[in-house]
Amino acid sequence: MDYFVLKWIHIVSSTLLFGTGLGTVFYKCMADYYGNVEHQAQTLKAVVWADMLFTAPAVVVQLVTGLWMAHLAGYHLFEGWLLWVLCLFVVVGCCWLPVLWLQVKMRDLAMMAAANNTPLSSDYYRYRKIWLALGVPAFIAVMVIFWLMVFKPI
């Protein structure tokens, strides 16, 4: 496949990945802010779907196209900037996989609370804190990955 076609696919998938991530965080945080349990349940349902339909495939596309482009461009996997990108990609993945699990748990708790017309449990709020604690370093790591891919400093 042509390098520039791969690059286009890589850029489109990174846009989808980053945009979906920001969008789902925004809508989940807004639903939590307003505190309507039914709304929180429905929002989390959509967030989980968005991660399955958009984020997960984009992660795979990012890895495949990124490695393929690096190969075509003659980079070695252990070159400075590329090694940092791969390490940060692993860091993001280590944050993102538990986030997926937490979103499913929060969705289930919110749906149960909405169905029973009860407030959200303390587990929901505990999971939300962990979700945020994992999301912040993942977001920072993605921003650093973008910077490394554009500037290739080392």
Protein backbone atom coordinates (compact mmCIF):
# COMPACT_ATOMS: atom_id res chain seq x y z
CA MET A 1 0.00 0.00 0.00
CA ASP A 2 1.20 3.52 -0.77
CA TYR A 3 2.81 5.41 2.14
CA PHE A 4 0.52 8.44 1.70
CA VAL A 5 -2.63 6.30 1.69
CA LEU A 6 -1.43 4.71 4.94
CA LYS A 7 -0.67 8.15 6.34
CA TRP A 8 -4.17 9.35 5.44
CA ILE A 9 -5.74 6.28 7.11
CA HIS A 10 -3.49 6.83 10.14
CA ILE A 11 -4.50 10.49 10.45
CA VAL A 12 -8.21 9.76 9.99
CA SER A 13 -8.10 6.97 12.59
CA SER A 14 -6.19 9.17 15.06
CA THR A 15 -8.81 11.87 14.56
CA LEU A 16 -11.58 9.34 15.18
CA LEU A 17 -9.77 7.95 18.22
CA PHE A 18 -9.04 11.33 19.79
CA GLY A 19 -12.40 12.87 18.88
CA THR A 20 -14.40 9.93 20.18
CA GLY A 21 -12.37 9.96 23.37
CA LEU A 22 -12.92 13.65 24.02
CA GLY A 23 -16.58 13.43 23.06
CA THR A 24 -17.36 10.52 25.34
CA VAL A 25 -15.52 12.12 28.26
CA PHE A 26 -17.41 15.38 27.72
CA TYR A 27 -20.85 13.76 27.57
CA LYS A 28 -20.18 11.45 30.50
CA CYS A 29 -18.88 14.32 32.65
CA MET A 30 -21.88 16.48 31.72
CA ALA A 31 -24.30 13.66 32.56
CA ASP A 32 -22.54 13.21 35.92
CA TYR A 33 -22.61 16.96 36.53
CA TYR A 34 -26.38 17.20 36.04
CA GLY A 35 -26.92 14.07 38.14
CA ASN A 36 -30.02 12.66 36.43
CA VAL A 37 -29.55 8.91 36.93
CA GLU A 38 -31.58 7.96 33.85
CA HIS A 39 -29.52 10.35 31.74
CA GLN A 40 -26.29 8.98 33.24
CA ALA A 41 -27.36 5.43 32.43
CA GLN A 42 -28.23 6.28 28.81
CA THR A 43 -25.06 8.33 28.35
CA LEU A 44 -22.87 5.53 29.68
CA LYS A 45 -24.67 3.11 27.40
CA ALA A 46 -23.68 5.32 24.45
CA VAL A 47 -20.12 5.77 25.77
CA VAL A 48 -19.57 2.00 25.94
CA TRP A 49 -20.97 1.59 22.42
CA ALA A 50 -18.78 4.41 21.09
CA ASP A 51 -15.68 2.79 22.53
CA MET A 52 -16.57 -0.56 20.98
CA LEU A 53 -17.57 0.83 17.58
CA PHE A 54 -15.04 3.61 17.12
CA THR A 55 -12.24 3.65 19.69
CA ALA A 56 -11.28 -0.04 19.70
CA PRO A 57 -11.01 -0.37 15.89
CA ALA A 58 -9.14 2.96 15.68
CA VAL A 59 -6.57 1.70 18.20
CA VAL A 60 -5.87 -1.34 16.02
CA VAL A 61 -5.70 0.79 12.86
CA GLN A 62 -3.30 3.19 14.61
CA LEU A 63 -0.91 0.43 15.56
CA VAL A 64 -0.99 -1.35 12.20
CA THR A 65 -0.69 1.76 10.02
CA GLY A 66 1.90 3.35 12.30
CA LEU A 67 4.17 0.30 12.25
CA TRP A 68 3.65 -0.14 8.51
CA MET A 69 4.53 3.50 7.78
CA ALA A 70 7.60 3.31 10.02
CA HIS A 71 8.73 0.23 8.10
CA LEU A 72 8.14 1.87 4.71
CA ALA A 73 9.98 5.01 5.84
CA GLY A 74 12.97 2.95 6.99
CA TYR A 75 12.68 3.66 10.73
CA HIS A 76 13.80 1.06 13.23
CA LEU A 77 11.39 0.21 16.04
CA PHE A 78 13.98 1.09 18.65
CA GLU A 79 14.78 4.55 17.28
CA GLY A 80 14.37 7.25 19.91
CA TRP A 81 11.08 8.93 19.03
CA LEU A 82 9.45 5.75 17.71
CA LEU A 83 10.41 3.78 20.80
CA TRP A 84 8.88 6.55 22.94
CA VAL A 85 5.70 6.47 20.84
CA LEU A 86 5.41 2.69 21.26
CA CYS A 87 6.05 2.89 25.02
CA LEU A 88 3.43 5.62 25.40
CA PHE A 89 1.02 3.61 23.23
CA VAL A 90 1.39 0.77 25.76
CA VAL A 91 0.86 3.22 28.65
CA VAL A 92 -2.33 4.51 27.01
CA GLY A 93 -3.52 0.94 26.47
CA CYS A 94 -2.81 0.06 30.11
CA CYS A 95 -4.98 3.00 31.14
CA TRP A 96 -7.68 2.48 28.51
CA LEU A 97 -8.43 -1.22 29.12
CA PRO A 98 -9.40 -0.67 32.79
CA VAL A 99 -11.36 2.42 31.71
CA LEU A 100 -13.45 0.22 29.41
CA TRP A 101 -14.18 -2.15 32.28
CA LEU A 102 -15.02 0.78 34.59
CA GLN A 103 -17.40 2.27 32.01
CA VAL A 104 -19.25 -1.04 31.73
CA LYS A 105 -19.50 -1.30 35.53
CA MET A 106 -20.68 2.33 35.85
CA ARG A 107 -23.20 1.79 33.04
CA ASP A 108 -24.59 -1.29 34.78
CA LEU A 109 -24.78 0.49 38.15
CA ALA A 110 -26.48 3.52 36.58
CA MET A 111 -28.96 1.35 34.67
CA MET A 112 -29.81 -0.57 37.85
CA ALA A 113 -30.26 2.65 39.82
CA ALA A 114 -32.43 4.14 37.06
CA ALA A 115 -34.57 0.98 36.87
CA ASN A 116 -35.03 0.94 40.66
CA ASN A 117 -35.42 4.71 40.92
CA THR A 118 -32.60 4.88 43.47
CA PRO A 119 -29.49 7.06 43.73
CA LEU A 120 -26.20 5.87 42.34
CA SER A 121 -24.18 3.68 44.68
CA SER A 122 -20.89 4.63 46.28
CA ASP A 123 -19.24 2.11 43.91
CA TYR A 124 -20.25 4.30 40.97
CA TYR A 125 -18.48 7.31 42.46
CA ARG A 126 -15.42 5.22 43.38
CA TYR A 127 -15.23 3.89 39.82
CA ARG A 128 -15.63 7.42 38.46
CA LYS A 129 -12.61 8.63 40.45
CA ILE A 130 -10.49 5.76 39.12
CA TRP A 131 -11.83 6.40 35.59
CA LEU A 132 -10.67 10.02 35.81
CA ALA A 133 -7.34 9.06 37.41
CA LEU A 134 -6.62 6.75 34.45
CA GLY A 135 -8.00 9.11 31.83
CA VAL A 136 -5.79 12.09 32.64
CA PRO A 137 -2.42 10.34 32.14
CA ALA A 138 -3.78 8.60 29.03
CA PHE A 139 -4.82 11.96 27.56
CA ILE A 140 -1.42 13.49 28.34
CA ALA A 141 0.34 10.47 26.80
CA VAL A 142 -1.73 10.80 23.60
CA MET A 143 -0.79 14.48 23.34
CA VAL A 144 2.89 13.57 23.74
CA ILE A 145 2.49 10.86 21.07
CA PHE A 146 1.05 13.45 18.66
CA TRP A 147 3.96 15.77 19.39
CA LEU A 148 6.53 12.99 18.88
CA MET A 149 4.98 11.90 15.60
CA VAL A 150 4.97 15.42 14.20
CA PHE A 151 8.41 16.58 15.37
CA LYS A 152 10.35 13.27 15.66
CA PRO A 153 12.84 15.01 17.99
CA ILE A 154 15.11 12.11 18.94
